[in-house]
Amino acid sequence: MFANFFVLSAFVLALVSQAYGHAAVSPMVGVNGTPRRNDVKRPSNANPCGAGVNVAQALNSATAVTAAADGSFTVTAIAFNGGVDGSRQMTAQVSANGRTNNFVAATVTRNGDRAPQGTGSQQITARLPANTRCTGGTAGNRCLVQFRSVAGFGNCVAVQQGAAANNRNNVRTRGLIQGGTRAARALLADLEHRGEEAVEVVKRRALQWIWA
């Protein structure tokens, strides 16, 4: 009887030790500093960043990585177990508004080992989808990126866009407005040579659009 109890206890302890293994991605939303073994999460549809993570509170205070001009950024995958259980091979998806909804796939351009021989860290690189504009957080420039390993473990990372990316978005928007205004004014100039009543209606509508 005692022998059976000893075997059962050893089995339970083995399971408990495995429960805090696996892998994480740093910097981790909801964790200050480098993630440890017991910080590992299992993202799900109900908890995209893992159970117990209050994204609304944690996004602003989280250490963020800055995306380059092409939307690429680098993070660190940490394996706490060897083999597939501690896989550093990740998929990524991004929520541009920084909330735990509206996730779309991001591209992992440099991935980690699917089944590392032991514990340790490895840098991986991902890229935001083209034309992504991060609007989350108080500053309005943060995205929420979820990483998930092939074993189902992972967490979220805060990614921020620098001033250059925001300026490009603003320049592009101004360019579209200015281009549309020039086109409308050119149309008005052409309409000045036409006297049909219908043309006057178009002119009034175009003027309303220009000065709106």
N, C-alpha and C. Protein backbone atom coordinates (compact mmCIF):
# COMPACT_ATOMS: atom_id res chain seq x y z
N MET A 1 0.84 -1.21 0.00
CA MET A 1 0.00 0.00 0.00
C MET A 1 0.87 1.25 0.00
N PHE A 2 1.87 1.28 0.89
CA PHE A 2 2.75 2.45 0.93
C PHE A 2 3.55 2.58 -0.36
N ALA A 3 3.90 1.43 -0.94
CA ALA A 3 4.64 1.46 -2.20
C ALA A 3 3.80 2.10 -3.30
N ASN A 4 2.52 1.72 -3.35
CA ASN A 4 1.62 2.30 -4.35
C ASN A 4 1.45 3.79 -4.12
N PHE A 5 1.35 4.19 -2.86
CA PHE A 5 1.22 5.62 -2.54
C PHE A 5 2.46 6.39 -2.99
N PHE A 6 3.62 5.79 -2.78
CA PHE A 6 4.87 6.44 -3.17
C PHE A 6 4.93 6.62 -4.68
N VAL A 7 4.55 5.59 -5.42
CA VAL A 7 4.57 5.66 -6.89
C VAL A 7 3.59 6.73 -7.37
N LEU A 8 2.39 6.76 -6.79
CA LEU A 8 1.39 7.75 -7.18
C LEU A 8 1.87 9.16 -6.88
N SER A 9 2.48 9.33 -5.72
CA SER A 9 2.98 10.66 -5.35
C SER A 9 4.07 11.12 -6.32
N ALA A 10 4.94 10.22 -6.68
CA ALA A 10 6.01 10.57 -7.62
C ALA A 10 5.43 10.96 -8.97
N PHE A 11 4.37 10.25 -9.40
CA PHE A 11 3.73 10.54 -10.68
C PHE A 11 3.09 11.93 -10.65
N VAL A 12 2.41 12.24 -9.54
CA VAL A 12 1.76 13.55 -9.41
C VAL A 12 2.80 14.66 -9.41
N LEU A 13 3.89 14.47 -8.69
CA LEU A 13 4.95 15.48 -8.66
C LEU A 13 5.54 15.69 -10.04
N ALA A 14 5.66 14.61 -10.80
CA ALA A 14 6.18 14.75 -12.17
C ALA A 14 5.25 15.57 -13.02
N LEU A 15 3.95 15.36 -12.87
CA LEU A 15 2.98 16.15 -13.63
C LEU A 15 3.02 17.61 -13.24
N VAL A 16 3.15 17.87 -11.93
CA VAL A 16 3.20 19.26 -11.46
C VAL A 16 4.43 19.96 -12.00
N SER A 17 5.56 19.27 -12.02
CA SER A 17 6.78 19.90 -12.52
C SER A 17 6.67 20.22 -13.99
N GLN A 18 5.92 19.37 -14.76
CA GLN A 18 5.73 19.63 -16.17
C GLN A 18 4.75 20.78 -16.41
N ALA A 19 3.83 21.00 -15.47
CA ALA A 19 2.79 22.02 -15.66
C ALA A 19 3.39 23.41 -15.74
N TYR A 20 4.57 23.61 -15.16
CA TYR A 20 5.19 24.92 -15.18
C TYR A 20 6.38 24.95 -16.15
N GLY A 21 6.34 24.12 -17.16
CA GLY A 21 7.44 24.10 -18.12
C GLY A 21 7.07 24.86 -19.38
N HIS A 22 7.41 24.26 -20.50
CA HIS A 22 6.98 24.73 -21.80
C HIS A 22 7.78 25.94 -22.29
N ALA A 23 7.12 26.97 -22.86
CA ALA A 23 7.85 28.08 -23.46
C ALA A 23 7.08 29.38 -23.35
N ALA A 24 7.80 30.49 -23.43
CA ALA A 24 7.19 31.82 -23.38
C ALA A 24 7.95 32.74 -24.33
N VAL A 25 7.36 33.90 -24.59
CA VAL A 25 7.98 34.89 -25.46
C VAL A 25 8.17 36.19 -24.68
N SER A 26 9.35 36.74 -24.74
CA SER A 26 9.69 37.97 -24.01
C SER A 26 9.96 39.11 -24.98
N PRO A 27 9.50 40.35 -24.61
CA PRO A 27 8.85 40.78 -23.35
C PRO A 27 7.38 40.37 -23.32
N MET A 28 6.92 39.97 -22.18
CA MET A 28 5.61 39.36 -22.02
C MET A 28 4.63 40.33 -21.37
N VAL A 29 3.50 40.55 -22.01
CA VAL A 29 2.46 41.40 -21.42
C VAL A 29 1.97 40.78 -20.12
N GLY A 30 2.00 41.56 -19.06
CA GLY A 30 1.55 41.09 -17.76
C GLY A 30 2.67 40.62 -16.85
N VAL A 31 3.92 40.65 -17.35
CA VAL A 31 5.07 40.20 -16.56
C VAL A 31 6.16 41.25 -16.62
N ASN A 32 6.69 41.64 -15.47
CA ASN A 32 7.81 42.56 -15.42
C ASN A 32 9.11 41.78 -15.53
N GLY A 33 9.95 42.18 -16.46
CA GLY A 33 11.23 41.49 -16.63
C GLY A 33 11.09 40.23 -17.47
N THR A 34 12.08 39.38 -17.39
CA THR A 34 12.12 38.15 -18.17
C THR A 34 11.14 37.13 -17.60
N PRO A 35 10.31 36.52 -18.46
CA PRO A 35 9.37 35.50 -17.96
C PRO A 35 10.10 34.32 -17.33
N ARG A 36 9.49 33.77 -16.30
CA ARG A 36 10.02 32.58 -15.65
C ARG A 36 9.12 31.39 -15.96
N ARG A 37 9.56 30.23 -15.49
CA ARG A 37 8.85 28.99 -15.79
C ARG A 37 7.37 29.06 -15.40
N ASN A 38 7.06 29.61 -14.24
CA ASN A 38 5.66 29.62 -13.80
C ASN A 38 4.86 30.79 -14.39
N ASP A 39 5.47 31.58 -15.30
CA ASP A 39 4.74 32.63 -16.00
C ASP A 39 4.11 32.14 -17.30
N VAL A 40 4.46 30.91 -17.70
CA VAL A 40 4.01 30.38 -18.99
C VAL A 40 2.48 30.34 -19.05
N LYS A 41 1.93 30.74 -20.20
CA LYS A 41 0.49 30.73 -20.41
C LYS A 41 0.13 29.76 -21.54
N ARG A 42 -1.16 29.51 -21.64
CA ARG A 42 -1.70 28.74 -22.76
C ARG A 42 -2.81 29.59 -23.39
N PRO A 43 -2.49 30.38 -24.42
CA PRO A 43 -3.51 31.23 -25.04
C PRO A 43 -4.67 30.42 -25.59
N SER A 44 -5.86 31.03 -25.53
CA SER A 44 -7.07 30.38 -26.05
C SER A 44 -7.98 31.45 -26.63
N ASN A 45 -9.07 31.02 -27.24
CA ASN A 45 -10.03 31.99 -27.77
C ASN A 45 -10.64 32.82 -26.65
N ALA A 46 -10.87 32.19 -25.51
CA ALA A 46 -11.45 32.92 -24.37
C ALA A 46 -10.43 33.83 -23.71
N ASN A 47 -9.17 33.40 -23.69
CA ASN A 47 -8.09 34.18 -23.07
C ASN A 47 -6.91 34.25 -24.05
N PRO A 48 -6.98 35.17 -25.02
CA PRO A 48 -5.95 35.21 -26.07
C PRO A 48 -4.53 35.44 -25.55
N CYS A 49 -4.40 36.04 -24.37
CA CYS A 49 -3.07 36.27 -23.81
C CYS A 49 -2.80 35.33 -22.63
N GLY A 50 -3.71 34.41 -22.39
CA GLY A 50 -3.56 33.48 -21.28
C GLY A 50 -4.40 33.88 -20.10
N ALA A 51 -4.78 32.92 -19.29
CA ALA A 51 -5.63 33.18 -18.14
C ALA A 51 -4.95 34.11 -17.14
N GLY A 52 -5.74 35.02 -16.59
CA GLY A 52 -5.24 35.91 -15.55
C GLY A 52 -4.58 37.18 -16.04
N VAL A 53 -4.54 37.40 -17.36
CA VAL A 53 -3.89 38.61 -17.90
C VAL A 53 -4.96 39.65 -18.20
N ASN A 54 -4.90 40.80 -17.52
CA ASN A 54 -5.82 41.90 -17.76
C ASN A 54 -5.15 42.83 -18.78
N VAL A 55 -5.46 42.61 -20.05
CA VAL A 55 -4.79 43.34 -21.12
C VAL A 55 -5.06 44.83 -21.04
N ALA A 56 -6.28 45.22 -20.71
CA ALA A 56 -6.63 46.64 -20.65
C ALA A 56 -5.73 47.39 -19.69
N GLN A 57 -5.34 46.74 -18.60
CA GLN A 57 -4.46 47.38 -17.62
C GLN A 57 -2.98 47.20 -17.97
N ALA A 58 -2.65 46.04 -18.53
CA ALA A 58 -1.24 45.69 -18.72
C ALA A 58 -0.61 46.26 -19.98
N LEU A 59 -1.42 46.60 -20.99
CA LEU A 59 -0.85 47.01 -22.27
C LEU A 59 0.00 48.27 -22.15
N ASN A 60 -0.46 49.26 -21.39
CA ASN A 60 0.28 50.52 -21.27
C ASN A 60 1.59 50.35 -20.50
N SER A 61 1.56 49.52 -19.46
CA SER A 61 2.75 49.36 -18.63
C SER A 61 3.72 48.31 -19.16
N ALA A 62 3.29 47.53 -20.14
CA ALA A 62 4.14 46.47 -20.67
C ALA A 62 5.35 47.04 -21.41
N THR A 63 6.48 46.36 -21.31
CA THR A 63 7.63 46.71 -22.13
C THR A 63 7.31 46.37 -23.57
N ALA A 64 7.41 47.35 -24.45
CA ALA A 64 7.03 47.14 -25.85
C ALA A 64 8.26 47.05 -26.74
N VAL A 65 8.14 46.29 -27.80
CA VAL A 65 9.17 46.28 -28.84
C VAL A 65 8.69 47.20 -29.95
N THR A 66 9.63 47.86 -30.60
CA THR A 66 9.28 48.82 -31.65
C THR A 66 9.40 48.18 -33.02
N ALA A 67 8.35 48.31 -33.81
CA ALA A 67 8.36 47.76 -35.16
C ALA A 67 9.18 48.66 -36.08
N ALA A 68 9.92 48.05 -36.99
CA ALA A 68 10.69 48.79 -37.98
C ALA A 68 9.76 49.35 -39.05
N ALA A 69 10.35 50.06 -40.01
CA ALA A 69 9.54 50.69 -41.05
C ALA A 69 8.70 49.69 -41.84
N ASP A 70 9.22 48.47 -42.01
CA ASP A 70 8.47 47.45 -42.76
C ASP A 70 7.55 46.63 -41.87
N GLY A 71 7.42 47.00 -40.60
CA GLY A 71 6.54 46.30 -39.68
C GLY A 71 7.18 45.12 -38.96
N SER A 72 8.46 44.89 -39.19
CA SER A 72 9.13 43.75 -38.56
C SER A 72 9.62 44.11 -37.16
N PHE A 73 9.68 43.10 -36.30
CA PHE A 73 10.17 43.28 -34.93
C PHE A 73 10.71 41.95 -34.43
N THR A 74 11.58 42.01 -33.43
CA THR A 74 12.23 40.80 -32.92
C THR A 74 11.94 40.63 -31.43
N VAL A 75 11.62 39.41 -31.04
CA VAL A 75 11.35 39.05 -29.65
C VAL A 75 12.19 37.82 -29.30
N THR A 76 12.12 37.40 -28.05
CA THR A 76 12.91 36.26 -27.59
C THR A 76 12.00 35.13 -27.13
N ALA A 77 12.13 33.96 -27.76
CA ALA A 77 11.39 32.77 -27.35
C ALA A 77 12.25 31.99 -26.36
N ILE A 78 11.65 31.63 -25.24
CA ILE A 78 12.38 30.95 -24.16
C ILE A 78 11.76 29.57 -23.93
N ALA A 79 12.57 28.53 -24.01
CA ALA A 79 12.11 27.16 -23.74
C ALA A 79 12.49 26.77 -22.32
N PHE A 80 11.52 26.29 -21.57
CA PHE A 80 11.76 25.80 -20.21
C PHE A 80 11.83 24.28 -20.16
N ASN A 81 11.46 23.64 -21.25
CA ASN A 81 11.58 22.19 -21.42
C ASN A 81 12.24 21.92 -22.77
N GLY A 82 12.85 20.77 -22.92
CA GLY A 82 13.33 20.35 -24.21
C GLY A 82 12.23 19.67 -25.00
N GLY A 83 12.49 19.41 -26.27
CA GLY A 83 11.53 18.71 -27.11
C GLY A 83 10.38 19.61 -27.56
N VAL A 84 9.38 18.97 -28.18
CA VAL A 84 8.25 19.73 -28.72
C VAL A 84 7.48 20.44 -27.61
N ASP A 85 7.46 19.90 -26.41
CA ASP A 85 6.76 20.52 -25.30
C ASP A 85 7.31 21.92 -25.01
N GLY A 86 8.61 22.12 -25.24
CA GLY A 86 9.21 23.44 -25.05
C GLY A 86 9.51 24.12 -26.37
N SER A 87 8.71 23.81 -27.39
CA SER A 87 8.96 24.33 -28.74
C SER A 87 9.06 25.85 -28.76
N ARG A 88 10.05 26.33 -29.50
CA ARG A 88 10.20 27.77 -29.72
C ARG A 88 9.72 28.16 -31.12
N GLN A 89 9.06 27.24 -31.81
CA GLN A 89 8.47 27.54 -33.12
C GLN A 89 7.09 28.13 -32.89
N MET A 90 6.88 29.36 -33.36
CA MET A 90 5.69 30.12 -33.01
C MET A 90 4.87 30.53 -34.23
N THR A 91 3.58 30.66 -34.01
CA THR A 91 2.72 31.39 -34.93
C THR A 91 2.36 32.71 -34.25
N ALA A 92 1.95 33.70 -35.03
CA ALA A 92 1.65 35.01 -34.46
C ALA A 92 0.41 35.59 -35.10
N GLN A 93 -0.35 36.32 -34.31
CA GLN A 93 -1.46 37.10 -34.83
C GLN A 93 -1.55 38.41 -34.06
N VAL A 94 -2.10 39.42 -34.72
CA VAL A 94 -2.04 40.77 -34.16
C VAL A 94 -3.42 41.40 -34.08
N SER A 95 -3.64 42.13 -32.98
CA SER A 95 -4.82 42.96 -32.80
C SER A 95 -4.35 44.41 -32.87
N ALA A 96 -4.70 45.10 -33.95
CA ALA A 96 -4.19 46.47 -34.16
C ALA A 96 -4.72 47.45 -33.14
N ASN A 97 -5.91 47.20 -32.59
CA ASN A 97 -6.47 48.14 -31.61
C ASN A 97 -6.03 47.84 -30.18
N GLY A 98 -5.18 46.82 -30.03
CA GLY A 98 -4.63 46.52 -28.71
C GLY A 98 -5.58 45.83 -27.78
N ARG A 99 -6.71 45.37 -28.28
CA ARG A 99 -7.66 44.64 -27.45
C ARG A 99 -7.58 43.16 -27.79
N THR A 100 -8.26 42.35 -27.03
CA THR A 100 -8.21 40.91 -27.27
C THR A 100 -9.30 40.49 -28.25
N ASN A 101 -9.40 41.22 -29.36
CA ASN A 101 -10.34 40.84 -30.41
C ASN A 101 -9.77 41.29 -31.76
N ASN A 102 -10.44 40.94 -32.82
CA ASN A 102 -10.04 41.34 -34.17
C ASN A 102 -8.61 40.95 -34.50
N PHE A 103 -8.20 39.75 -34.10
CA PHE A 103 -6.86 39.28 -34.43
C PHE A 103 -6.79 38.87 -35.90
N VAL A 104 -5.67 39.22 -36.53
CA VAL A 104 -5.39 38.76 -37.90
C VAL A 104 -3.98 38.17 -37.90
N ALA A 105 -3.71 37.31 -38.85
CA ALA A 105 -2.43 36.62 -38.88
C ALA A 105 -1.27 37.57 -39.18
N ALA A 106 -0.19 37.41 -38.44
CA ALA A 106 1.07 38.10 -38.72
C ALA A 106 2.05 37.05 -39.27
N THR A 107 3.12 37.52 -39.88
CA THR A 107 4.08 36.61 -40.49
C THR A 107 5.31 36.45 -39.61
N VAL A 108 5.67 35.22 -39.31
CA VAL A 108 6.91 34.94 -38.59
C VAL A 108 7.98 34.67 -39.65
N THR A 109 8.92 35.59 -39.80
CA THR A 109 9.92 35.49 -40.86
C THR A 109 11.18 34.73 -40.43
N ARG A 110 11.45 34.69 -39.14
CA ARG A 110 12.56 33.89 -38.60
C ARG A 110 12.06 33.20 -37.35
N ASN A 111 11.89 31.88 -37.44
CA ASN A 111 11.25 31.16 -36.35
C ASN A 111 12.27 30.42 -35.50
N GLY A 112 11.79 29.87 -34.38
CA GLY A 112 12.65 29.13 -33.48
C GLY A 112 12.60 27.64 -33.76
N ASP A 113 13.33 26.88 -32.96
CA ASP A 113 13.40 25.43 -33.12
C ASP A 113 12.08 24.78 -32.72
N ARG A 114 11.66 23.83 -33.53
CA ARG A 114 10.42 23.12 -33.23
C ARG A 114 10.58 22.23 -32.00
N ALA A 115 11.70 21.58 -31.86
CA ALA A 115 11.94 20.68 -30.73
C ALA A 115 13.37 20.87 -30.23
N PRO A 116 13.60 21.92 -29.44
CA PRO A 116 14.96 22.18 -28.95
C PRO A 116 15.47 21.03 -28.08
N GLN A 117 16.76 20.82 -28.12
CA GLN A 117 17.35 19.71 -27.35
C GLN A 117 17.30 19.96 -25.84
N GLY A 118 17.22 21.21 -25.45
CA GLY A 118 17.17 21.53 -24.02
C GLY A 118 16.53 22.89 -23.82
N THR A 119 16.72 23.45 -22.65
CA THR A 119 16.17 24.76 -22.34
C THR A 119 17.05 25.84 -22.96
N GLY A 120 16.55 27.07 -22.95
CA GLY A 120 17.33 28.18 -23.49
C GLY A 120 16.48 29.11 -24.31
N SER A 121 17.08 30.19 -24.80
CA SER A 121 16.35 31.22 -25.53
C SER A 121 16.83 31.32 -26.98
N GLN A 122 16.00 31.95 -27.79
CA GLN A 122 16.27 32.08 -29.22
C GLN A 122 15.47 33.27 -29.74
N GLN A 123 16.09 34.10 -30.53
CA GLN A 123 15.38 35.26 -31.08
C GLN A 123 14.55 34.84 -32.30
N ILE A 124 13.34 35.36 -32.37
CA ILE A 124 12.50 35.14 -33.54
C ILE A 124 12.02 36.51 -34.03
N THR A 125 11.75 36.58 -35.32
CA THR A 125 11.34 37.84 -35.94
C THR A 125 9.99 37.66 -36.61
N ALA A 126 9.11 38.63 -36.41
CA ALA A 126 7.79 38.60 -37.02
C ALA A 126 7.54 39.94 -37.72
N ARG A 127 6.52 39.99 -38.53
CA ARG A 127 6.20 41.22 -39.24
C ARG A 127 4.70 41.47 -39.22
N LEU A 128 4.31 42.70 -38.90
CA LEU A 128 2.91 43.09 -38.92
C LEU A 128 2.39 43.05 -40.35
N PRO A 129 1.10 42.77 -40.55
CA PRO A 129 0.54 42.81 -41.90
C PRO A 129 0.72 44.19 -42.52
N ALA A 130 0.82 44.23 -43.84
CA ALA A 130 1.01 45.50 -44.55
C ALA A 130 -0.10 46.48 -44.20
N ASN A 131 0.28 47.74 -44.06
CA ASN A 131 -0.64 48.86 -43.78
C ASN A 131 -1.30 48.78 -42.40
N THR A 132 -0.72 47.97 -41.51
CA THR A 132 -1.26 47.92 -40.14
C THR A 132 -0.96 49.23 -39.43
N ARG A 133 -1.96 49.78 -38.77
CA ARG A 133 -1.76 50.97 -37.95
C ARG A 133 -2.14 50.61 -36.52
N CYS A 134 -1.17 50.61 -35.64
CA CYS A 134 -1.41 50.28 -34.24
C CYS A 134 -2.10 51.47 -33.55
N THR A 135 -3.22 51.23 -32.90
CA THR A 135 -3.97 52.32 -32.26
C THR A 135 -4.26 52.05 -30.80
N GLY A 136 -3.69 51.00 -30.22
CA GLY A 136 -3.98 50.65 -28.84
C GLY A 136 -3.16 51.42 -27.84
N GLY A 137 -3.55 51.34 -26.57
CA GLY A 137 -2.83 52.01 -25.50
C GLY A 137 -3.14 53.49 -25.42
N THR A 138 -2.70 54.10 -24.35
CA THR A 138 -2.95 55.53 -24.14
C THR A 138 -2.34 56.38 -25.23
N ALA A 139 -1.15 55.99 -25.70
CA ALA A 139 -0.48 56.76 -26.75
C ALA A 139 -1.08 56.52 -28.13
N GLY A 140 -1.91 55.49 -28.26
CA GLY A 140 -2.55 55.21 -29.55
C GLY A 140 -1.60 54.68 -30.60
N ASN A 141 -0.52 54.01 -30.18
CA ASN A 141 0.44 53.49 -31.17
C ASN A 141 0.87 52.06 -30.87
N ARG A 142 0.06 51.32 -30.10
CA ARG A 142 0.45 49.97 -29.71
C ARG A 142 -0.49 48.91 -30.30
N CYS A 143 0.13 47.82 -30.75
CA CYS A 143 -0.60 46.63 -31.17
C CYS A 143 -0.41 45.55 -30.11
N LEU A 144 -1.30 44.57 -30.11
CA LEU A 144 -1.18 43.41 -29.25
C LEU A 144 -0.91 42.21 -30.13
N VAL A 145 0.23 41.56 -29.92
CA VAL A 145 0.60 40.41 -30.75
C VAL A 145 0.61 39.14 -29.90
N GLN A 146 -0.16 38.16 -30.33
CA GLN A 146 -0.22 36.88 -29.62
C GLN A 146 0.74 35.89 -30.29
N PHE A 147 1.58 35.27 -29.47
CA PHE A 147 2.45 34.19 -29.95
C PHE A 147 1.98 32.89 -29.34
N ARG A 148 1.99 31.82 -30.16
CA ARG A 148 1.59 30.50 -29.67
C ARG A 148 2.51 29.45 -30.28
N SER A 149 3.06 28.60 -29.44
CA SER A 149 3.97 27.57 -29.92
C SER A 149 3.21 26.40 -30.52
N VAL A 150 3.92 25.49 -31.18
CA VAL A 150 3.27 24.32 -31.77
C VAL A 150 2.68 23.43 -30.69
N ALA A 151 3.14 23.57 -29.44
CA ALA A 151 2.60 22.81 -28.32
C ALA A 151 1.43 23.54 -27.65
N GLY A 152 1.10 24.76 -28.13
CA GLY A 152 -0.04 25.50 -27.60
C GLY A 152 0.27 26.46 -26.48
N PHE A 153 1.57 26.68 -26.20
CA PHE A 153 1.94 27.60 -25.13
C PHE A 153 2.41 28.93 -25.72
N GLY A 154 2.35 29.98 -24.91
CA GLY A 154 2.77 31.29 -25.41
C GLY A 154 2.19 32.41 -24.58
N ASN A 155 2.04 33.58 -25.20
CA ASN A 155 1.56 34.77 -24.50
C ASN A 155 1.45 35.91 -25.48
N CYS A 156 1.18 37.10 -24.97
CA CYS A 156 1.09 38.29 -25.82
C CYS A 156 2.28 39.21 -25.59
N VAL A 157 2.59 39.99 -26.64
CA VAL A 157 3.67 40.97 -26.62
C VAL A 157 3.10 42.30 -27.12
N ALA A 158 3.51 43.40 -26.50
CA ALA A 158 3.12 44.73 -26.96
C ALA A 158 4.11 45.20 -28.02
N VAL A 159 3.59 45.64 -29.15
CA VAL A 159 4.43 46.15 -30.24
C VAL A 159 3.98 47.57 -30.54
N GLN A 160 4.92 48.49 -30.56
CA GLN A 160 4.57 49.88 -30.84
C GLN A 160 5.20 50.35 -32.14
N GLN A 161 4.51 51.26 -32.79
CA GLN A 161 5.02 51.87 -34.01
C GLN A 161 5.67 53.19 -33.66
N GLY A 162 6.81 53.46 -34.28
CA GLY A 162 7.52 54.70 -34.03
C GLY A 162 6.89 55.88 -34.74
N ALA A 163 7.45 57.04 -34.50
CA ALA A 163 6.93 58.27 -35.11
C ALA A 163 6.97 58.20 -36.63
N ALA A 164 8.00 57.53 -37.17
CA ALA A 164 8.15 57.48 -38.63
C ALA A 164 6.96 56.80 -39.28
N ALA A 165 6.50 55.67 -38.67
CA ALA A 165 5.36 54.95 -39.23
C ALA A 165 4.10 55.80 -39.16
N ASN A 166 3.90 56.48 -38.03
CA ASN A 166 2.72 57.34 -37.89
C ASN A 166 2.77 58.50 -38.87
N ASN A 167 3.96 59.07 -39.06
CA ASN A 167 4.10 60.16 -40.01
C ASN A 167 3.77 59.71 -41.42
N ARG A 168 4.21 58.48 -41.78
CA ARG A 168 3.91 57.98 -43.12
C ARG A 168 2.41 57.82 -43.30
N ASN A 169 1.73 57.32 -42.27
CA ASN A 169 0.28 57.19 -42.36
C ASN A 169 -0.38 58.55 -42.53
N ASN A 170 0.10 59.55 -41.77
CA ASN A 170 -0.47 60.89 -41.87
C ASN A 170 -0.20 61.51 -43.23
N VAL A 171 1.02 61.33 -43.73
CA VAL A 171 1.37 61.88 -45.04
C VAL A 171 0.51 61.26 -46.12
N ARG A 172 0.34 59.92 -46.03
CA ARG A 172 -0.48 59.23 -47.02
C ARG A 172 -1.92 59.75 -46.99
N THR A 173 -2.47 59.96 -45.79
CA THR A 173 -3.83 60.46 -45.67
C THR A 173 -3.94 61.87 -46.25
N ARG A 174 -2.97 62.74 -45.90
CA ARG A 174 -3.00 64.11 -46.43
C ARG A 174 -2.88 64.09 -47.95
N GLY A 175 -2.04 63.20 -48.46
CA GLY A 175 -1.86 63.12 -49.91
C GLY A 175 -3.14 62.72 -50.62
N LEU A 176 -3.88 61.78 -50.03
CA LEU A 176 -5.14 61.37 -50.63
C LEU A 176 -6.14 62.52 -50.65
N ILE A 177 -6.21 63.26 -49.53
CA ILE A 177 -7.14 64.39 -49.45
C ILE A 177 -6.76 65.48 -50.44
N GLN A 178 -5.45 65.81 -50.48
CA GLN A 178 -5.01 66.87 -51.39
C GLN A 178 -5.22 66.47 -52.85
N GLY A 179 -4.92 65.18 -53.13
CA GLY A 179 -5.11 64.71 -54.50
C GLY A 179 -6.57 64.76 -54.91
N GLY A 180 -7.47 64.37 -54.00
CA GLY A 180 -8.89 64.41 -54.29
C GLY A 180 -9.37 65.84 -54.48
N THR A 181 -8.85 66.76 -53.66
CA THR A 181 -9.23 68.17 -53.78
C THR A 181 -8.80 68.74 -55.12
N ARG A 182 -7.57 68.45 -55.55
CA ARG A 182 -7.09 68.92 -56.85
C ARG A 182 -7.94 68.39 -57.98
N ALA A 183 -8.33 67.11 -57.88
CA ALA A 183 -9.15 66.51 -58.93
C ALA A 183 -10.52 67.18 -58.99
N ALA A 184 -11.08 67.49 -57.81
CA ALA A 184 -12.39 68.13 -57.78
C ALA A 184 -12.32 69.54 -58.36
N ARG A 185 -11.25 70.26 -58.04
CA ARG A 185 -11.11 71.62 -58.57
C ARG A 185 -10.90 71.59 -60.07
N ALA A 186 -10.18 70.60 -60.57
CA ALA A 186 -9.99 70.48 -62.01
C ALA A 186 -11.34 70.22 -62.69
N LEU A 187 -12.15 69.41 -62.03
CA LEU A 187 -13.49 69.14 -62.58
C LEU A 187 -14.31 70.41 -62.62
N LEU A 188 -14.23 71.22 -61.57
CA LEU A 188 -14.97 72.49 -61.55
C LEU A 188 -14.53 73.41 -62.68
N ALA A 189 -13.22 73.47 -62.90
CA ALA A 189 -12.70 74.32 -63.97
C ALA A 189 -13.26 73.88 -65.32
N ASP A 190 -13.36 72.57 -65.51
CA ASP A 190 -13.91 72.06 -66.76
C ASP A 190 -15.40 72.36 -66.87
N LEU A 191 -16.08 72.29 -65.73
CA LEU A 191 -17.52 72.53 -65.75
C LEU A 191 -17.88 73.99 -66.01
N GLU A 192 -16.92 74.89 -65.78
CA GLU A 192 -17.19 76.32 -66.02
C GLU A 192 -17.55 76.56 -67.48
N HIS A 193 -17.12 75.69 -68.38
CA HIS A 193 -17.38 75.86 -69.81
C HIS A 193 -18.69 75.21 -70.24
N ARG A 194 -19.41 74.66 -69.29
CA ARG A 194 -20.67 73.98 -69.61
C ARG A 194 -21.81 74.71 -68.91
N GLY A 195 -22.94 74.82 -69.59
CA GLY A 195 -24.03 75.60 -69.02
C GLY A 195 -25.26 74.81 -68.65
N GLU A 196 -25.17 73.49 -68.72
CA GLU A 196 -26.36 72.70 -68.43
C GLU A 196 -26.75 72.83 -66.95
N GLU A 197 -28.03 72.74 -66.68
CA GLU A 197 -28.51 72.85 -65.31
C GLU A 197 -27.95 71.73 -64.45
N ALA A 198 -27.81 70.53 -65.02
CA ALA A 198 -27.29 69.40 -64.26
C ALA A 198 -25.87 69.66 -63.80
N VAL A 199 -25.12 70.37 -64.63
CA VAL A 199 -23.74 70.68 -64.28
C VAL A 199 -23.69 71.55 -63.04
N GLU A 200 -24.63 72.50 -62.91
CA GLU A 200 -24.65 73.37 -61.74
C GLU A 200 -24.85 72.57 -60.46
N VAL A 201 -25.66 71.52 -60.54
CA VAL A 201 -25.88 70.68 -59.38
C VAL A 201 -24.57 70.00 -58.98
N VAL A 202 -23.85 69.49 -59.97
CA VAL A 202 -22.57 68.83 -59.70
C VAL A 202 -21.58 69.81 -59.09
N LYS A 203 -21.58 71.04 -59.60
CA LYS A 203 -20.66 72.06 -59.08
C LYS A 203 -20.93 72.33 -57.61
N ARG A 204 -22.22 72.48 -57.27
CA ARG A 204 -22.55 72.78 -55.88
C ARG A 204 -22.13 71.64 -54.96
N ARG A 205 -22.35 70.42 -55.42
CA ARG A 205 -21.97 69.27 -54.59
C ARG A 205 -20.46 69.17 -54.43
N ALA A 206 -19.73 69.46 -55.49
CA ALA A 206 -18.28 69.41 -55.42
C ALA A 206 -17.74 70.48 -54.48
N LEU A 207 -18.32 71.67 -54.53
CA LEU A 207 -17.90 72.75 -53.64
C LEU A 207 -18.17 72.39 -52.18
N GLN A 208 -19.30 71.76 -51.93
CA GLN A 208 -19.61 71.33 -50.56
C GLN A 208 -18.58 70.33 -50.08
N TRP A 209 -18.14 69.44 -50.96
CA TRP A 209 -17.14 68.42 -50.58
C TRP A 209 -15.78 69.06 -50.30
N ILE A 210 -15.38 70.01 -51.14
CA ILE A 210 -14.07 70.66 -50.97
C ILE A 210 -13.98 71.40 -49.66
N TRP A 211 -15.04 72.14 -49.30
CA TRP A 211 -14.95 73.00 -48.13
C TRP A 211 -15.55 72.37 -46.88
N ALA A 212 -15.93 71.10 -46.98
CA ALA A 212 -16.49 70.41 -45.80
C ALA A 212 -15.45 70.27 -44.71
